[in-house]
Amino acid sequence: MKHTPTTPTVPNTRPVMYQNIPPELKEDDQWAAWRWELRGDTWTKPPLNPSTGRYARNNDPDTWGSFDETLQRMRRDHLPGIGFMFHPDDGLAGVDLDNCRNPRTGEIEKWATEIIDGLDSYTEVSPSESGLKVFVYGDLPLGRRRKGNIEMYDRGRFFTMTGHPLSWAPSNVQDRYEELTALHYRIFGEPADRSTGSKKDGHKGTPNGLSDDELVNRAMRAVNGEKFAKLWAGDTSDYKTASNEGKSEADLAMCSLLAFWTGPDEARIDQLFRRSGLYRKKWERADYRALTLAIALDRDEFWSGDGASLLMRGKVYARRKGVVALG
């Protein structure tokens, strides 16, 4: 007898109680709708551009929208929910606690309760009802972002939202910079020192052996040399939107390109960035500089110096943004 495979049932989803979502989150044009989508045997929640209904990207503000616009998209297309996109300049961070709540009884595991009590900020139940999400104002230290059932993000991430808050947590997002840093260190430990040694010329030797001027000239002659040249000159127009100057995105794009050419050398990327037209006072903020460099180096692909790249695919932010073009 021939076996006919069955399609898994779409998960139940709580209706969005949008009136409970903190107003400070609603003010930002960092929203997207989402739908259930089966990928293999797993139900996923891809974000959707509220303007077009197509896929949104968590690193592209042009694919996000306002809170009201996103609600309209959800209602018009009968979608299950909405969510918030974290941006490097919004000062917000989110802590995602998975598999910590009994969907039937609402009982929360002790380890999660301790985290929620420590952060003491707006917390809500996830669409699956088995997890919780905490929103705070704060910056994450350099280091890991996920361990077991705990994830922390302050950029490049989409958090689905339900508007079903914990009754004993604050109803608004609170300033929790010190508490967030302490939690990150407790969960992930102190970040490793990612700085590199230096030679007499001020930077570690690179696999390609190019001087700074030779590196910049080669980058400008590459397939995506025009993009590099614009960023090097301080032109952020490709990253500007109606609601965002795009300076942070341009900084990251520049550092991602430099990382490809220099190899994993933070000191040299920093040195070269300071020569570019993008350099500004904000770069002197150690936390901003460290996080930008960390994301730029979150990759497994660098130029090898023999006319080809090391083609080891990994999480390369710049490639997802279309910044690095190999060829």
Foldseek 3Di string as FASTA:
>chain_A
DDDDDDDDDDAAFAAAPPVLAAVLQQVDQFKFWWAWDDDPNDTDTFTAQLVPRHGDFLAASVSTGGPVSRVVSCVVVVGRFMWGRAAPPPQKKKKKAAQQADQVPRDGHPVVVVLCVLQQFWKFAAGNSRIMMGMAREAEFPDDADDDRIGMDRGRDIGTDRSHTDPPGDSHHYHDHPSRHVVCCVVTNDDDPLADDADPVFWDQALQRDDLVRLLVVCLVFPLNVLLVCLQQVNQVVQDDPVGHRLLVSLLLNLLSVCQERPSHLRVSLVSSCNGNSDDPVCPPPRSVSVSNSLSNQFDKHCNNPQAIDPDGGPHPNVVVVSDDGD
